[in-house]
Amino acid sequence: MIAGARTAGIIQMSEINPICACLVVTLLAAEMALTKVNDKTGAYRTLKLAAGETMSTDEVLANQKTIISNQETIQANQEKLNEMLSNQQTIISNQQSILANQEKLDNVVANQESILANQKEILSRLNK
């Protein structure tokens, strides 16, 4: 345990990972200040909010767990979005191939029509 003693299941701010503490403070509000205050039961509260509210370490940790859970959900959703984007790129590529093939087929049809016209011309000359 880093500096400070546990009191009624609450730990002092100095015991919390500073990065996590900063994350919580940043997410709660820019005006929050890190302080140790005694609540009515004598237990240490770890954050003093701008409005004078306090949060216990348990509340901070619960919020951190919620934040982590939300980050995991966001990450999973981002992975799904990346997969969807990849699928869309594949679809676009396939559509471009289909369009190119359709243009080739259009050229084949045009050539066949030209051949048919030439054959009709040859036939009409032969029949004269």
N, C-alpha and C. Protein backbone atom coordinates (compact mmCIF):
# COMPACT_ATOMS: atom_id res chain seq x y z
N MET A 1 0.85 -1.18 0.00
CA MET A 1 0.00 0.00 0.00
C MET A 1 0.89 1.24 0.00
N ILE A 2 0.55 2.20 -0.81
CA ILE A 2 1.29 3.45 -0.88
C ILE A 2 0.76 4.35 0.22
N ALA A 3 1.52 5.29 0.66
CA ALA A 3 1.20 6.23 1.74
C ALA A 3 -0.26 6.30 2.13
N GLY A 4 -0.53 6.17 3.41
CA GLY A 4 -1.89 6.34 3.93
C GLY A 4 -2.49 5.03 4.39
N ALA A 5 -3.40 5.12 5.32
CA ALA A 5 -4.04 3.92 5.87
C ALA A 5 -5.47 3.84 5.38
N ARG A 6 -5.96 2.60 5.31
CA ARG A 6 -7.36 2.40 4.94
C ARG A 6 -8.26 2.76 6.11
N THR A 7 -9.38 3.39 5.81
CA THR A 7 -10.36 3.73 6.85
C THR A 7 -11.72 3.35 6.31
N ALA A 8 -12.37 2.39 6.93
CA ALA A 8 -13.72 1.96 6.54
C ALA A 8 -13.82 1.67 5.05
N GLY A 9 -12.82 0.98 4.51
CA GLY A 9 -12.88 0.59 3.10
C GLY A 9 -12.59 1.72 2.13
N ILE A 10 -12.18 2.87 2.61
CA ILE A 10 -11.88 4.02 1.76
C ILE A 10 -10.37 4.23 1.78
N ILE A 11 -9.76 4.49 0.64
CA ILE A 11 -8.33 4.75 0.63
C ILE A 11 -8.09 6.21 0.30
N GLN A 12 -6.96 6.70 0.76
CA GLN A 12 -6.62 8.10 0.49
C GLN A 12 -6.20 8.25 -0.97
N MET A 13 -6.29 9.47 -1.46
CA MET A 13 -6.00 9.74 -2.86
C MET A 13 -4.60 9.31 -3.25
N SER A 14 -3.66 9.40 -2.32
CA SER A 14 -2.28 9.04 -2.64
C SER A 14 -2.14 7.55 -2.96
N GLU A 15 -3.15 6.74 -2.64
CA GLU A 15 -3.10 5.31 -2.91
C GLU A 15 -3.63 4.96 -4.30
N ILE A 16 -4.28 5.89 -4.95
CA ILE A 16 -4.87 5.62 -6.26
C ILE A 16 -3.83 5.88 -7.34
N ASN A 17 -3.84 5.05 -8.35
CA ASN A 17 -2.97 5.24 -9.49
C ASN A 17 -3.17 6.66 -10.02
N PRO A 18 -2.13 7.49 -10.07
CA PRO A 18 -2.29 8.89 -10.47
C PRO A 18 -2.89 9.05 -11.86
N ILE A 19 -2.58 8.16 -12.78
CA ILE A 19 -3.15 8.27 -14.13
C ILE A 19 -4.65 8.05 -14.09
N CYS A 20 -5.08 7.03 -13.35
CA CYS A 20 -6.52 6.77 -13.22
C CYS A 20 -7.21 7.92 -12.53
N ALA A 21 -6.58 8.44 -11.49
CA ALA A 21 -7.18 9.57 -10.77
C ALA A 21 -7.33 10.76 -11.69
N CYS A 22 -6.32 11.03 -12.49
CA CYS A 22 -6.39 12.15 -13.43
C CYS A 22 -7.49 11.92 -14.45
N LEU A 23 -7.62 10.70 -14.92
CA LEU A 23 -8.67 10.38 -15.89
C LEU A 23 -10.05 10.65 -15.30
N VAL A 24 -10.27 10.19 -14.08
CA VAL A 24 -11.56 10.41 -13.42
C VAL A 24 -11.82 11.89 -13.25
N VAL A 25 -10.81 12.60 -12.76
CA VAL A 25 -10.97 14.04 -12.54
C VAL A 25 -11.28 14.73 -13.86
N THR A 26 -10.55 14.38 -14.90
CA THR A 26 -10.76 15.00 -16.20
C THR A 26 -12.16 14.73 -16.71
N LEU A 27 -12.63 13.51 -16.52
CA LEU A 27 -13.95 13.15 -17.02
C LEU A 27 -15.08 13.76 -16.21
N LEU A 28 -14.86 13.94 -14.92
CA LEU A 28 -15.93 14.49 -14.08
C LEU A 28 -16.15 15.97 -14.35
N ALA A 29 -15.11 16.75 -14.33
CA ALA A 29 -15.21 18.19 -14.64
C ALA A 29 -13.86 18.83 -14.51
N ALA A 30 -13.61 19.85 -15.28
CA ALA A 30 -12.32 20.52 -15.26
C ALA A 30 -12.12 21.28 -13.95
N GLU A 31 -13.19 21.62 -13.26
CA GLU A 31 -13.09 22.43 -12.06
C GLU A 31 -12.79 21.62 -10.80
N MET A 32 -12.78 20.28 -10.88
CA MET A 32 -12.58 19.47 -9.69
C MET A 32 -11.17 19.61 -9.16
N ALA A 33 -11.03 19.48 -7.87
CA ALA A 33 -9.71 19.53 -7.25
C ALA A 33 -9.51 18.26 -6.43
N LEU A 34 -8.31 17.72 -6.48
CA LEU A 34 -8.00 16.53 -5.68
C LEU A 34 -7.74 16.96 -4.24
N THR A 35 -8.53 16.46 -3.34
CA THR A 35 -8.32 16.77 -1.92
C THR A 35 -8.71 15.57 -1.08
N LYS A 36 -8.24 15.57 0.15
CA LYS A 36 -8.69 14.58 1.11
C LYS A 36 -9.61 15.32 2.07
N VAL A 37 -10.81 14.83 2.22
CA VAL A 37 -11.73 15.44 3.18
C VAL A 37 -12.36 14.35 4.02
N ASN A 38 -12.71 14.67 5.24
CA ASN A 38 -13.38 13.74 6.12
C ASN A 38 -14.88 13.87 5.92
N ASP A 39 -15.57 12.74 5.68
CA ASP A 39 -17.03 12.85 5.58
C ASP A 39 -17.63 12.73 6.97
N LYS A 40 -18.93 12.72 7.06
CA LYS A 40 -19.61 12.73 8.37
C LYS A 40 -19.30 11.51 9.22
N THR A 41 -18.94 10.39 8.57
CA THR A 41 -18.64 9.18 9.33
C THR A 41 -17.18 9.11 9.74
N GLY A 42 -16.38 10.07 9.32
CA GLY A 42 -14.97 10.06 9.67
C GLY A 42 -14.12 9.38 8.62
N ALA A 43 -14.74 8.81 7.59
CA ALA A 43 -13.99 8.14 6.53
C ALA A 43 -13.47 9.19 5.55
N TYR A 44 -12.32 8.90 4.98
CA TYR A 44 -11.77 9.83 4.00
C TYR A 44 -12.57 9.75 2.71
N ARG A 45 -12.84 10.89 2.13
CA ARG A 45 -13.41 10.98 0.79
C ARG A 45 -12.25 11.46 -0.08
N THR A 46 -12.24 11.06 -1.32
CA THR A 46 -11.03 11.31 -2.10
C THR A 46 -11.10 12.48 -3.06
N LEU A 47 -12.26 12.86 -3.51
CA LEU A 47 -12.36 13.96 -4.46
C LEU A 47 -13.30 15.01 -3.91
N LYS A 48 -12.91 16.23 -4.02
CA LYS A 48 -13.82 17.31 -3.66
C LYS A 48 -14.23 17.98 -4.97
N LEU A 49 -15.52 17.99 -5.24
CA LEU A 49 -16.01 18.53 -6.48
C LEU A 49 -16.24 20.03 -6.34
N ALA A 50 -16.41 20.69 -7.48
CA ALA A 50 -16.60 22.14 -7.48
C ALA A 50 -17.82 22.53 -6.66
N ALA A 51 -18.86 21.71 -6.68
CA ALA A 51 -20.09 22.04 -5.96
C ALA A 51 -20.02 21.62 -4.50
N GLY A 52 -18.88 21.17 -4.05
CA GLY A 52 -18.73 20.78 -2.66
C GLY A 52 -19.08 19.32 -2.41
N GLU A 53 -19.47 18.58 -3.45
CA GLU A 53 -19.76 17.16 -3.29
C GLU A 53 -18.44 16.42 -3.16
N THR A 54 -18.51 15.23 -2.61
CA THR A 54 -17.30 14.41 -2.54
C THR A 54 -17.61 13.03 -3.09
N MET A 55 -16.54 12.31 -3.46
CA MET A 55 -16.68 10.94 -3.94
C MET A 55 -15.75 10.06 -3.14
N SER A 56 -16.25 8.92 -2.73
CA SER A 56 -15.38 7.97 -2.04
C SER A 56 -14.53 7.25 -3.07
N THR A 57 -13.50 6.59 -2.57
CA THR A 57 -12.65 5.81 -3.46
C THR A 57 -13.47 4.73 -4.15
N ASP A 58 -14.40 4.13 -3.41
CA ASP A 58 -15.26 3.11 -4.03
C ASP A 58 -16.04 3.70 -5.20
N GLU A 59 -16.53 4.93 -5.03
CA GLU A 59 -17.26 5.58 -6.12
C GLU A 59 -16.33 5.87 -7.30
N VAL A 60 -15.11 6.32 -6.98
CA VAL A 60 -14.13 6.59 -8.03
C VAL A 60 -13.82 5.30 -8.78
N LEU A 61 -13.57 4.22 -8.03
CA LEU A 61 -13.25 2.94 -8.66
C LEU A 61 -14.43 2.43 -9.48
N ALA A 62 -15.65 2.60 -8.97
CA ALA A 62 -16.83 2.18 -9.73
C ALA A 62 -16.92 2.98 -11.02
N ASN A 63 -16.64 4.28 -10.94
CA ASN A 63 -16.65 5.11 -12.15
C ASN A 63 -15.57 4.67 -13.12
N GLN A 64 -14.40 4.32 -12.58
CA GLN A 64 -13.31 3.85 -13.44
C GLN A 64 -13.71 2.56 -14.15
N LYS A 65 -14.38 1.66 -13.41
CA LYS A 65 -14.84 0.41 -14.02
C LYS A 65 -15.84 0.69 -15.13
N THR A 66 -16.74 1.65 -14.88
CA THR A 66 -17.72 2.03 -15.90
C THR A 66 -17.01 2.61 -17.11
N ILE A 67 -16.02 3.47 -16.86
CA ILE A 67 -15.26 4.07 -17.96
C ILE A 67 -14.55 2.99 -18.77
N ILE A 68 -13.92 2.05 -18.08
CA ILE A 68 -13.21 0.96 -18.77
C ILE A 68 -14.20 0.14 -19.59
N SER A 69 -15.34 -0.18 -19.00
CA SER A 69 -16.37 -0.94 -19.71
C SER A 69 -16.83 -0.19 -20.96
N ASN A 70 -17.04 1.12 -20.80
CA ASN A 70 -17.46 1.93 -21.95
C ASN A 70 -16.38 1.96 -23.02
N GLN A 71 -15.12 2.05 -22.59
CA GLN A 71 -14.02 2.05 -23.55
C GLN A 71 -13.94 0.72 -24.30
N GLU A 72 -14.19 -0.38 -23.59
CA GLU A 72 -14.18 -1.69 -24.23
C GLU A 72 -15.32 -1.78 -25.25
N THR A 73 -16.49 -1.25 -24.88
CA THR A 73 -17.63 -1.24 -25.80
C THR A 73 -17.30 -0.39 -27.03
N ILE A 74 -16.71 0.77 -26.80
CA ILE A 74 -16.32 1.64 -27.91
C ILE A 74 -15.32 0.93 -28.81
N GLN A 75 -14.35 0.25 -28.21
CA GLN A 75 -13.35 -0.48 -28.99
C GLN A 75 -14.01 -1.57 -29.83
N ALA A 76 -14.93 -2.32 -29.22
CA ALA A 76 -15.63 -3.38 -29.96
C ALA A 76 -16.43 -2.79 -31.11
N ASN A 77 -17.10 -1.66 -30.84
CA ASN A 77 -17.87 -1.01 -31.89
C ASN A 77 -16.96 -0.48 -32.99
N GLN A 78 -15.80 0.02 -32.62
CA GLN A 78 -14.84 0.52 -33.61
C GLN A 78 -14.37 -0.62 -34.50
N GLU A 79 -14.13 -1.79 -33.89
CA GLU A 79 -13.71 -2.95 -34.67
C GLU A 79 -14.81 -3.36 -35.64
N LYS A 80 -16.07 -3.31 -35.19
CA LYS A 80 -17.19 -3.63 -36.08
C LYS A 80 -17.28 -2.61 -37.21
N LEU A 81 -17.08 -1.34 -36.88
CA LEU A 81 -17.12 -0.30 -37.91
C LEU A 81 -15.99 -0.49 -38.92
N ASN A 82 -14.81 -0.86 -38.43
CA ASN A 82 -13.68 -1.11 -39.33
C ASN A 82 -14.00 -2.27 -40.27
N GLU A 83 -14.63 -3.31 -39.73
CA GLU A 83 -15.02 -4.45 -40.56
C GLU A 83 -16.06 -4.04 -41.60
N MET A 84 -17.02 -3.22 -41.16
CA MET A 84 -18.04 -2.74 -42.09
C MET A 84 -17.41 -1.89 -43.20
N LEU A 85 -16.45 -1.05 -42.84
CA LEU A 85 -15.76 -0.23 -43.83
C LEU A 85 -15.01 -1.10 -44.82
N SER A 86 -14.35 -2.12 -44.31
CA SER A 86 -13.64 -3.05 -45.18
C SER A 86 -14.62 -3.73 -46.14
N ASN A 87 -15.77 -4.14 -45.61
CA ASN A 87 -16.79 -4.77 -46.45
C ASN A 87 -17.30 -3.80 -47.51
N GLN A 88 -17.50 -2.55 -47.12
CA GLN A 88 -17.97 -1.55 -48.08
C GLN A 88 -16.94 -1.33 -49.18
N GLN A 89 -15.67 -1.32 -48.80
CA GLN A 89 -14.61 -1.15 -49.80
C GLN A 89 -14.59 -2.34 -50.76
N THR A 90 -14.82 -3.54 -50.24
CA THR A 90 -14.89 -4.72 -51.09
C THR A 90 -16.08 -4.63 -52.04
N ILE A 91 -17.22 -4.19 -51.51
CA ILE A 91 -18.42 -4.03 -52.34
C ILE A 91 -18.17 -3.02 -53.45
N ILE A 92 -17.55 -1.89 -53.11
CA ILE A 92 -17.25 -0.86 -54.12
C ILE A 92 -16.32 -1.43 -55.19
N SER A 93 -15.31 -2.15 -54.76
CA SER A 93 -14.37 -2.77 -55.71
C SER A 93 -15.11 -3.74 -56.63
N ASN A 94 -16.00 -4.55 -56.05
CA ASN A 94 -16.78 -5.50 -56.85
C ASN A 94 -17.69 -4.77 -57.83
N GLN A 95 -18.30 -3.68 -57.37
CA GLN A 95 -19.18 -2.91 -58.25
C GLN A 95 -18.39 -2.30 -59.41
N GLN A 96 -17.18 -1.85 -59.13
CA GLN A 96 -16.33 -1.30 -60.19
C GLN A 96 -15.98 -2.38 -61.21
N SER A 97 -15.71 -3.59 -60.73
CA SER A 97 -15.42 -4.71 -61.63
C SER A 97 -16.64 -5.05 -62.48
N ILE A 98 -17.80 -5.06 -61.83
CA ILE A 98 -19.05 -5.34 -62.56
C ILE A 98 -19.28 -4.28 -63.64
N LEU A 99 -19.06 -3.02 -63.29
CA LEU A 99 -19.23 -1.93 -64.26
C LEU A 99 -18.26 -2.09 -65.43
N ALA A 100 -17.01 -2.42 -65.14
CA ALA A 100 -16.02 -2.63 -66.20
C ALA A 100 -16.44 -3.79 -67.09
N ASN A 101 -16.93 -4.87 -66.47
CA ASN A 101 -17.39 -6.02 -67.26
C ASN A 101 -18.62 -5.66 -68.09
N GLN A 102 -19.50 -4.85 -67.53
CA GLN A 102 -20.69 -4.42 -68.26
C GLN A 102 -20.29 -3.59 -69.49
N GLU A 103 -19.29 -2.74 -69.31
CA GLU A 103 -18.80 -1.94 -70.44
C GLU A 103 -18.22 -2.85 -71.52
N LYS A 104 -17.50 -3.90 -71.11
CA LYS A 104 -16.96 -4.86 -72.07
C LYS A 104 -18.10 -5.57 -72.80
N LEU A 105 -19.14 -5.95 -72.05
CA LEU A 105 -20.29 -6.60 -72.68
C LEU A 105 -20.99 -5.65 -73.65
N ASP A 106 -21.09 -4.39 -73.29
CA ASP A 106 -21.68 -3.40 -74.19
C ASP A 106 -20.88 -3.31 -75.49
N ASN A 107 -19.55 -3.37 -75.37
CA ASN A 107 -18.70 -3.36 -76.57
C ASN A 107 -18.91 -4.62 -77.41
N VAL A 108 -19.05 -5.77 -76.75
CA VAL A 108 -19.31 -7.02 -77.46
C VAL A 108 -20.63 -6.93 -78.23
N VAL A 109 -21.67 -6.41 -77.56
CA VAL A 109 -22.98 -6.26 -78.21
C VAL A 109 -22.86 -5.31 -79.40
N ALA A 110 -22.16 -4.21 -79.22
CA ALA A 110 -21.98 -3.25 -80.33
C ALA A 110 -21.25 -3.91 -81.49
N ASN A 111 -20.22 -4.72 -81.17
CA ASN A 111 -19.50 -5.44 -82.23
C ASN A 111 -20.40 -6.45 -82.93
N GLN A 112 -21.23 -7.16 -82.15
CA GLN A 112 -22.15 -8.13 -82.75
C GLN A 112 -23.16 -7.43 -83.66
N GLU A 113 -23.64 -6.27 -83.23
CA GLU A 113 -24.58 -5.52 -84.06
C GLU A 113 -23.91 -5.06 -85.35
N SER A 114 -22.64 -4.67 -85.24
CA SER A 114 -21.89 -4.26 -86.43
C SER A 114 -21.68 -5.45 -87.37
N ILE A 115 -21.34 -6.60 -86.79
CA ILE A 115 -21.15 -7.83 -87.59
C ILE A 115 -22.45 -8.19 -88.28
N LEU A 116 -23.57 -8.12 -87.54
CA LEU A 116 -24.88 -8.45 -88.12
C LEU A 116 -25.21 -7.50 -89.27
N ALA A 117 -24.94 -6.22 -89.10
CA ALA A 117 -25.19 -5.24 -90.17
C ALA A 117 -24.33 -5.56 -91.39
N ASN A 118 -23.07 -5.92 -91.14
CA ASN A 118 -22.18 -6.28 -92.26
C ASN A 118 -22.67 -7.53 -92.97
N GLN A 119 -23.13 -8.52 -92.18
CA GLN A 119 -23.64 -9.75 -92.79
C GLN A 119 -24.88 -9.48 -93.64
N LYS A 120 -25.76 -8.59 -93.14
CA LYS A 120 -26.96 -8.22 -93.91
C LYS A 120 -26.55 -7.53 -95.21
N GLU A 121 -25.54 -6.68 -95.14
CA GLU A 121 -25.05 -5.98 -96.33
C GLU A 121 -24.49 -6.98 -97.34
N ILE A 122 -23.71 -7.95 -96.84
CA ILE A 122 -23.14 -8.98 -97.71
C ILE A 122 -24.25 -9.79 -98.36
N LEU A 123 -25.26 -10.17 -97.56
CA LEU A 123 -26.39 -10.96 -98.08
C LEU A 123 -27.14 -10.19 -99.16
N SER A 124 -27.36 -8.90 -98.90
CA SER A 124 -28.12 -8.12 -99.89
C SER A 124 -27.32 -7.99 -101.18
N ARG A 125 -26.00 -7.92 -101.11
CA ARG A 125 -25.17 -7.85 -102.32
C ARG A 125 -25.18 -9.18 -103.07
N LEU A 126 -25.17 -10.27 -102.29
CA LEU A 126 -25.19 -11.60 -102.92
C LEU A 126 -26.52 -11.87 -103.60
N ASN A 127 -27.59 -11.31 -103.06
CA ASN A 127 -28.93 -11.55 -103.62
C ASN A 127 -29.20 -10.69 -104.85
N LYS A 128 -28.39 -9.76 -105.19
CA LYS A 128 -28.62 -8.89 -106.35
C LYS A 128 -28.26 -9.53 -107.62
